C-alpha atoms as a PDB file:
ATOM      1  CA  MET A   1      -0.024   0.031   0.047  1.00  0.00           C
ATOM      2  CA  LEU A   2       2.922   2.322   0.862  1.00  0.00           C
ATOM      3  CA  SER A   3       4.697   1.535  -2.306  1.00  0.00           C
ATOM      4  CA  TRP A   4       1.592   2.391  -4.305  1.00  0.00           C
ATOM      5  CA  ARG A   5       1.351   5.782  -2.693  1.00  0.00           C
ATOM      6  CA  LEU A   6       4.885   6.553  -3.258  1.00  0.00           C
ATOM      7  CA  GLN A   7       4.541   5.509  -6.941  1.00  0.00           C
ATOM      8  CA  THR A   8       1.412   7.667  -7.232  1.00  0.00           C
ATOM      9  CA  GLY A   9       3.300  10.487  -5.758  1.00  0.00           C
ATOM     10  CA  SER A  10       6.103  10.257  -8.169  1.00  0.00           C
ATOM     11  CA  GLU A  11       3.731  10.030 -11.114  1.00  0.00           C
ATOM     12  CA  LYS A  12       1.925  13.069  -9.804  1.00  0.00           C
ATOM     13  CA  ALA A  13       5.067  15.128  -9.750  1.00  0.00           C
ATOM     14  CA  GLU A  14       5.879  13.915 -13.199  1.00  0.00           C
ATOM     15  CA  LEU A  15       2.470  14.807 -14.405  1.00  0.00           C
ATOM     16  CA  GLN A  16       2.796  18.253 -12.886  1.00  0.00           C
ATOM     17  CA  GLU A  17       6.160  18.672 -14.661  1.00  0.00           C
ATOM     18  CA  LEU A  18       4.542  17.550 -17.875  1.00  0.00           C
ATOM     19  CA  ASN A  19       1.712  20.022 -17.377  1.00  0.00           C
ATOM     20  CA  ALA A  20       4.162  22.782 -16.788  1.00  0.00           C
ATOM     21  CA  ARG A  21       6.086  21.842 -19.845  1.00  0.00           C
ATOM     22  CA  LEU A  22       2.948  21.558 -21.836  1.00  0.00           C
ATOM     23  CA  TYR A  23       1.882  24.955 -20.729  1.00  0.00           C
ATOM     24  CA  ASP A  24       5.195  26.451 -21.706  1.00  0.00           C
ATOM     25  CA  TYR A  25       4.938  24.704 -24.997  1.00  0.00           C
ATOM     26  CA  VAL A  26       1.372  26.039 -25.722  1.00  0.00           C
ATOM     27  CA  CYS A  27       2.542  29.517 -24.669  1.00  0.00           C
ATOM     28  CA  ARG A  28       5.433  29.309 -26.905  1.00  0.00           C
ATOM     29  CA  VAL A  29       3.288  28.091 -29.848  1.00  0.00           C
ATOM     30  CA  ARG A  30       0.796  30.930 -29.362  1.00  0.00           C
ATOM     31  CA  GLU A  31       3.695  33.391 -29.225  1.00  0.00           C
ATOM     32  CA  LEU A  32       5.076  31.975 -32.409  1.00  0.00           C
ATOM     33  CA  GLU A  33       1.662  32.126 -34.020  1.00  0.00           C
ATOM     34  CA  ARG A  34       1.477  35.872 -33.133  1.00  0.00           C
ATOM     35  CA  GLU A  35       5.016  36.435 -34.403  1.00  0.00           C
ATOM     36  CA  ASN A  36       4.047  34.560 -37.598  1.00  0.00           C
ATOM     37  CA  LEU A  37       0.980  36.771 -37.984  1.00  0.00           C
ATOM     38  CA  LEU A  38       3.118  39.837 -37.568  1.00  0.00           C
ATOM     39  CA  LEU A  39       5.614  38.530 -40.059  1.00  0.00           C
ATOM     40  CA  GLU A  40       2.864  37.792 -42.599  1.00  0.00           C
ATOM     41  CA  GLU A  41       1.437  41.357 -42.121  1.00  0.00           C
ATOM     42  CA  GLU A  42       4.930  42.771 -42.601  1.00  0.00           C
ATOM     43  CA  LEU A  43       5.612  40.646 -45.606  1.00  0.00           C
ATOM     44  CA  ARG A  44       2.283  41.700 -47.236  1.00  0.00           C
ATOM     45  CA  SER A  45       3.070  45.382 -46.412  1.00  0.00           C
ATOM     46  CA  ARG A  46       6.503  44.911 -48.004  1.00  0.00           C
ATOM     47  CA  LEU A  47       5.021  43.234 -51.091  1.00  0.00           C
ATOM     48  CA  SER A  48       2.563  46.041 -51.400  1.00  0.00           C
ATOM     49  CA  ARG A  49       5.408  48.533 -51.195  1.00  0.00           C
ATOM     50  CA  GLU A  50       7.366  46.744 -53.812  1.00  0.00           C
ATOM     51  CA  ASP A  51       4.293  46.553 -55.997  1.00  0.00           C
ATOM     52  CA  ARG A  52       3.835  50.360 -55.630  1.00  0.00           C
ATOM     53  CA  TRP A  53       7.503  50.986 -56.139  1.00  0.00           C
ATOM     54  CA  ALA A  54       7.345  48.920 -59.369  1.00  0.00           C
ATOM     55  CA  GLU A  55       4.320  50.833 -60.565  1.00  0.00           C
ATOM     56  CA  ASP A  56       6.021  54.085 -59.712  1.00  0.00           C
ATOM     57  CA  GLN A  57       9.256  52.974 -61.525  1.00  0.00           C
ATOM     58  CA  ALA A  58       7.037  52.214 -64.600  1.00  0.00           C
ATOM     59  CA  LEU A  59       5.210  55.593 -64.276  1.00  0.00           C
ATOM     60  CA  TYR A  60       8.591  57.355 -63.952  1.00  0.00           C
ATOM     61  CA  ALA A  61      10.064  55.562 -66.964  1.00  0.00           C
ATOM     62  CA  GLU A  62       7.030  56.589 -69.090  1.00  0.00           C
ATOM     63  CA  GLU A  63       7.343  60.257 -67.925  1.00  0.00           C
ATOM     64  CA  ALA A  64      11.057  60.121 -68.663  1.00  0.00           C
ATOM     65  CA  ARG A  65      10.348  58.825 -72.183  1.00  0.00           C
ATOM     66  CA  SER A  66       7.800  61.574 -72.766  1.00  0.00           C
ATOM     67  CA  LEU A  67      10.113  64.194 -71.492  1.00  0.00           C
ATOM     68  CA  ARG A  68      12.916  62.943 -73.663  1.00  0.00           C
ATOM     69  CA  GLN A  69      10.594  62.955 -76.777  1.00  0.00           C
ATOM     70  CA  GLN A  70       9.663  66.603 -75.950  1.00  0.00           C
ATOM     71  CA  LEU A  71      13.250  67.519 -75.505  1.00  0.00           C
ATOM     72  CA  ASP A  72      13.976  66.028 -78.968  1.00  0.00           C
ATOM     73  CA  GLU A  73      11.111  68.024 -80.380  1.00  0.00           C
ATOM     74  CA  LEU A  74      12.364  71.148 -78.850  1.00  0.00           C
ATOM     75  CA  ASN A  75      15.833  70.574 -80.118  1.00  0.00           C
ATOM     76  CA  TRP A  76      14.568  70.098 -83.696  1.00  0.00           C
ATOM     77  CA  SER A  77      12.244  73.199 -83.314  1.00  0.00           C
ATOM     78  CA  THR A  78      15.319  75.078 -82.141  1.00  0.00           C
ATOM     79  CA  ALA A  79      17.411  73.997 -85.022  1.00  0.00           C
ATOM     80  CA  LEU A  80      14.677  75.040 -87.434  1.00  0.00           C
ATOM     81  CA  ALA A  81      14.264  78.454 -85.734  1.00  0.00           C
ATOM     82  CA  GLU A  82      18.033  79.013 -85.838  1.00  0.00           C
ATOM     83  CA  GLY A  83      18.010  78.312 -89.649  1.00  0.00           C
ATOM     84  CA  GLU A  84      15.067  80.611 -90.292  1.00  0.00           C
ATOM     85  CA  ARG A  85      16.924  83.232 -88.134  1.00  0.00           C
ATOM     86  CA  ASP A  86      20.088  82.953 -90.228  1.00  0.00           C
ATOM     87  CA  ALA A  87      18.119  83.151 -93.473  1.00  0.00           C
ATOM     88  CA  LEU A  88      16.267  86.354 -92.194  1.00  0.00           C
ATOM     89  CA  ARG A  89      19.582  87.792 -91.048  1.00  0.00           C
ATOM     90  CA  ARG A  90      21.045  87.211 -94.679  1.00  0.00           C
ATOM     91  CA  GLU A  91      17.862  88.750 -96.127  1.00  0.00           C
ATOM     92  CA  LEU A  92      18.145  91.724 -93.829  1.00  0.00           C
ATOM     93  CA  LEU A  93      21.668  92.333 -94.935  1.00  0.00           C
ATOM     94  CA  GLU A  94      20.768  92.057 -98.518  1.00  0.00           C
ATOM     95  CA  LEU A  95      17.893  94.521 -98.068  1.00  0.00           C
ATOM     96  CA  GLN A  96      20.185  96.866 -96.178  1.00  0.00           C
ATOM     97  CA  ARG A  97      22.707  96.652 -99.092  1.00  0.00           C
ATOM     98  CA  GLU A  98      20.023  97.328-101.573  1.00  0.00           C
ATOM     99  CA  GLY A  99      18.754 100.188 -99.408  1.00  0.00           C
ATOM    100  CA  VAL A 100      22.179 101.854 -99.492  1.00  0.00           C
ATOM    101  CA  GLU A 101      22.491 101.312-103.327  1.00  0.00           C
ATOM    102  CA  ALA A 102      18.975 102.737-103.734  1.00  0.00           C
ATOM    103  CA  GLY A 103      19.910 105.705-101.588  1.00  0.00           C
ATOM    104  CA  THR A 104      23.010 106.376-103.534  1.00  0.00           C
ATOM    105  CA  ALA A 105      21.168 106.131-106.794  1.00  0.00           C
ATOM    106  CA  ARG A 106      18.446 108.425-105.526  1.00  0.00           C
ATOM    107  CA  SER A 107      21.068 111.040-104.523  1.00  0.00           C
ATOM    108  CA  ARG A 108      22.561 110.849-107.916  1.00  0.00           C
ATOM    109  CA  LEU A 109      19.139 111.104-109.625  1.00  0.00           C
ATOM    110  CA  ASP A 110      18.232 114.038-107.407  1.00  0.00           C
ATOM    111  CA  ALA A 111      21.428 115.785-108.379  1.00  0.00           C
ATOM    112  CA  GLU A 112      20.794 115.099-112.121  1.00  0.00           C
ATOM    113  CA  LEU A 113      17.058 116.215-111.632  1.00  0.00           C
ATOM    114  CA  GLY A 114      18.166 119.453-109.986  1.00  0.00           C
ATOM    115  CA  ALA A 115      20.585 120.085-112.909  1.00  0.00           C
ATOM    116  CA  GLN A 116      18.014 119.518-115.374  1.00  0.00           C
ATOM    117  CA  ARG A 117      15.470 121.767-113.467  1.00  0.00           C
ATOM    118  CA  ARG A 118      18.175 124.575-113.562  1.00  0.00           C
ATOM    119  CA  GLU A 119      18.647 123.967-117.261  1.00  0.00           C
ATOM    120  CA  LEU A 120      14.849 124.023-117.748  1.00  0.00           C
ATOM    121  CA  GLU A 121      14.479 127.293-115.821  1.00  0.00           C
ATOM    122  CA  GLU A 122      17.315 128.792-117.935  1.00  0.00           C
ATOM    123  CA  ALA A 123      15.542 127.581-121.059  1.00  0.00           C
ATOM    124  CA  LEU A 124      12.199 128.942-119.891  1.00  0.00           C
ATOM    125  CA  GLY A 125      13.944 132.331-119.182  1.00  0.00           C
ATOM    126  CA  ALA A 126      15.519 132.315-122.569  1.00  0.00           C
ATOM    127  CA  ARG A 127      12.116 131.476-124.191  1.00  0.00           C
ATOM    128  CA  ALA A 128      10.467 134.307-122.351  1.00  0.00           C
ATOM    129  CA  ALA A 129      13.074 136.743-123.526  1.00  0.00           C
ATOM    130  CA  LEU A 130      12.746 135.495-127.112  1.00  0.00           C
ATOM    131  CA  GLU A 131       8.815 135.798-126.775  1.00  0.00           C
ATOM    132  CA  ALA A 132       9.217 139.247-125.381  1.00  0.00           C
ATOM    133  CA  LEU A 133      11.581 140.128-128.298  1.00  0.00           C
ATOM    134  CA  LEU A 134       9.168 138.622-130.785  1.00  0.00           C
ATOM    135  CA  GLY A 135       6.398 140.493-129.356  1.00  0.00           C
ATOM    136  CA  ARG A 136       8.285 143.817-129.693  1.00  0.00           C
ATOM    137  CA  LEU A 137       9.250 142.965-133.301  1.00  0.00           C
ATOM    138  CA  GLU A 138       5.685 142.105-134.159  1.00  0.00           C
ATOM    139  CA  THR A 139       4.481 145.349-132.607  1.00  0.00           C
ATOM    140  CA  GLU A 140       6.922 147.347-134.598  1.00  0.00           C
ATOM    141  CA  ARG A 141       6.116 145.362-137.740  1.00  0.00           C
ATOM    142  CA  ARG A 142       2.413 146.207-137.429  1.00  0.00           C
ATOM    143  CA  ALA A 143       3.227 149.957-136.928  1.00  0.00           C
ATOM    144  CA  PRO A 144       1.622 151.998-139.890  1.00  0.00           C
ATOM    145  CA  ALA A 145       4.723 153.831-140.964  1.00  0.00           C
ATOM    146  CA  ALA A 146       7.909 153.001-139.192  1.00  0.00           C
ATOM    147  CA  PRO A 147      10.845 155.215-140.169  1.00  0.00           C
ATOM    148  CA  ALA A 148      13.466 153.468-142.302  1.00  0.00           C
ATOM    149  CA  GLY A 149      16.274 154.625-139.923  1.00  0.00           C
ATOM    150  CA  ARG A 150      14.484 153.176-136.977  1.00  0.00           C
ATOM    151  CA  ALA A 151      14.129 149.876-138.746  1.00  0.00           C
ATOM    152  CA  ARG A 152      17.863 149.966-139.736  1.00  0.00           C
ATOM    153  CA  GLN A 153      18.730 150.516-136.039  1.00  0.00           C
ATOM    154  CA  LEU A 154      16.454 147.644-134.766  1.00  0.00           C
ATOM    155  CA  ARG A 155      17.747 145.139-137.271  1.00  0.00           C
ATOM    156  CA  PRO A 156      21.351 144.866-135.966  1.00  0.00           C
ATOM    157  CA  ALA A 157      20.204 144.969-132.375  1.00  0.00           C
ATOM    158  CA  GLY A 158      17.404 142.351-132.791  1.00  0.00           C
ATOM    159  CA  GLY A 159      19.840 140.112-134.724  1.00  0.00           C
ATOM    160  CA  ARG A 160      22.412 140.251-131.949  1.00  0.00           C
ATOM    161  CA  VAL A 161      19.821 139.606-129.331  1.00  0.00           C
ATOM    162  CA  VAL A 162      18.419 136.534-131.214  1.00  0.00           C
ATOM    163  CA  GLU A 163      21.934 135.306-131.957  1.00  0.00           C
ATOM    164  CA  GLY A 164      22.940 135.832-128.319  1.00  0.00           C
ATOM    165  CA  GLU A 165      19.899 133.777-127.043  1.00  0.00           C
ATOM    166  CA  ARG A 166      20.602 131.047-129.625  1.00  0.00           C
ATOM    167  CA  ALA A 167      24.324 130.778-128.575  1.00  0.00           C
ATOM    168  CA  ALA A 168      23.215 130.563-124.786  1.00  0.00           C
ATOM    169  CA  VAL A 169      20.608 127.797-125.584  1.00  0.00           C
ATOM    170  CA  ARG A 170      23.270 125.817-127.531  1.00  0.00           C
ATOM    171  CA  GLY A 171      25.798 126.239-124.757  1.00  0.00           C
ATOM    172  CA  ARG A 172      23.379 124.975-122.155  1.00  0.00           C
ATOM    173  CA  GLY A 173      22.415 121.988-124.481  1.00  0.00           C
ATOM    174  CA  ALA A 174      26.216 121.152-124.844  1.00  0.00           C
ATOM    175  CA  ARG A 175      26.767 121.356-120.983  1.00  0.00           C
ATOM    176  CA  ALA A 176      23.732 119.054-120.359  1.00  0.00           C
ATOM    177  CA  GLY A 177      25.027 116.597-122.978  1.00  0.00           C
ATOM    178  CA  ALA A 178      28.567 116.629-121.431  1.00  0.00           C
ATOM    179  CA  GLY A 179      27.242 116.283-117.786  1.00  0.00           C
ATOM    180  CA  ALA A 180      24.924 113.197-118.623  1.00  0.00           C
ATOM    181  CA  ALA A 181      25.922 109.826-117.136  1.00  0.00           C
ATOM    182  CA  PRO A 182      27.592 107.425-119.687  1.00  0.00           C
ATOM    183  CA  ARG A 183      25.266 104.561-118.904  1.00  0.00           C
ATOM    184  CA  PRO A 184      22.202 104.206-121.002  1.00  0.00           C
ATOM    185  CA  ARG A 185      18.947 105.344-119.252  1.00  0.00           C
ATOM    186  CA  GLU A 186      15.584 106.741-120.017  1.00  0.00           C
ATOM    187  CA  PRO A 187      15.426 110.411-121.157  1.00  0.00           C
ATOM    188  CA  ALA A 188      14.713 112.687-118.214  1.00  0.00           C
ATOM    189  CA  PRO A 189      11.428 114.607-118.397  1.00  0.00           C
ATOM    190  CA  GLY A 190      13.307 117.973-118.198  1.00  0.00           C
ATOM    191  CA  GLY A 191      15.673 116.905-121.094  1.00  0.00           C
ATOM    192  CA  GLY A 192      12.797 116.464-123.572  1.00  0.00           C
ATOM    193  CA  ARG A 193      11.078 119.561-122.454  1.00  0.00           C
ATOM    194  CA  GLY A 194      14.327 121.463-122.671  1.00  0.00           C
ATOM    195  CA  ALA A 195      14.940 120.272-126.196  1.00  0.00           C
ATOM    196  CA  ALA A 196      11.338 121.306-127.024  1.00  0.00           C
ATOM    197  CA  VAL A 197      11.962 124.646-125.509  1.00  0.00           C
ATOM    198  CA  ARG A 198      15.185 125.158-127.457  1.00  0.00           C
ATOM    199  CA  ALA A 199      13.429 124.148-130.605  1.00  0.00           C
ATOM    200  CA  GLY A 200      10.623 126.638-129.880  1.00  0.00           C
ATOM    201  CA  GLY A 201      13.201 129.215-129.065  1.00  0.00           C
ATOM    202  CA  ARG A 202      14.747 128.574-132.507  1.00  0.00           C
ATOM    203  CA  ARG A 203      11.346 128.729-134.194  1.00  0.00           C
ATOM    204  CA  ALA A 204      10.589 131.889-132.257  1.00  0.00           C
ATOM    205  CA  ALA A 205      13.742 133.468-133.435  1.00  0.00           C
ATOM    206  CA  GLU A 206      12.973 132.966-137.033  1.00  0.00           C
ATOM    207  CA  PRO A 207      10.033 135.492-137.217  1.00  0.00           C
ATOM    208  CA  GLY A 208      12.568 138.030-135.890  1.00  0.00           C
ATOM    209  CA  ALA A 209      14.841 137.316-138.766  1.00  0.00           C
ATOM    210  CA  GLY A 210      11.805 137.702-141.124  1.00  0.00           C
ATOM    211  CA  VAL A 211      10.935 140.989-139.509  1.00  0.00           C
ATOM    212  CA  GLY A 212      14.363 142.264-139.836  1.00  0.00           C
ATOM    213  CA  ALA A 213      14.260 141.397-143.529  1.00  0.00           C
ATOM    214  CA  ALA A 214      10.964 143.105-143.968  1.00  0.00           C
ATOM    215  CA  ALA A 215      12.314 146.213-142.149  1.00  0.00           C
ATOM    216  CA  ARG A 216      15.326 146.240-144.440  1.00  0.00           C
ATOM    217  CA  GLU A 217      13.034 146.025-147.479  1.00  0.00           C
ATOM    218  CA  ALA A 218      10.842 148.854-146.142  1.00  0.00           C
ATOM    219  CA  GLY A 219      13.967 150.857-145.549  1.00  0.00           C
ATOM    220  CA  GLY A 220      15.306 150.191-149.187  1.00  0.00           C
END
């Protein structure tokens, strides 16, 4: 009976030890389960972050390609703009050169026009003098009875005036011809009019000669 009790007491102690070990094991298992849950959560979080990072990398790569394409387009547009700028600069230089040449030609033409205007004024003055002389001669010719001596006095004076005007007109025409530019160009408006005026002056001088002849006949 005593031996059974001792055996029972030892088994009880062993059972208590086993219970304690089982309790520690269960506690350890539960702790490991909690750690496993935490590790799984952390793993899912990291996987999610990696997925987002991969998506971000793809997005960044797409943005980088788009920006690189825009940069290439800007470089091409810049090259085209620089080419157009160089062409416009050359065109501007050409226009400036043509402007300088046009200004020089205009100055030369203004000088020639001024000279022709002066010649025209001189020709008009000579024509006015010839017309005045012609008027006086016509008035004297229409007089009813002009003295023969008066006619003889007027004839040399009138002839000298007419010859002087003719010489002046011929001199101005020679100066205009010598001062003309050697290059061929259209006749200036003043030149043709000056020639017409000189021709008119010569025609106007002819009646004076006729009047002088008539005066000589009347005096004879």
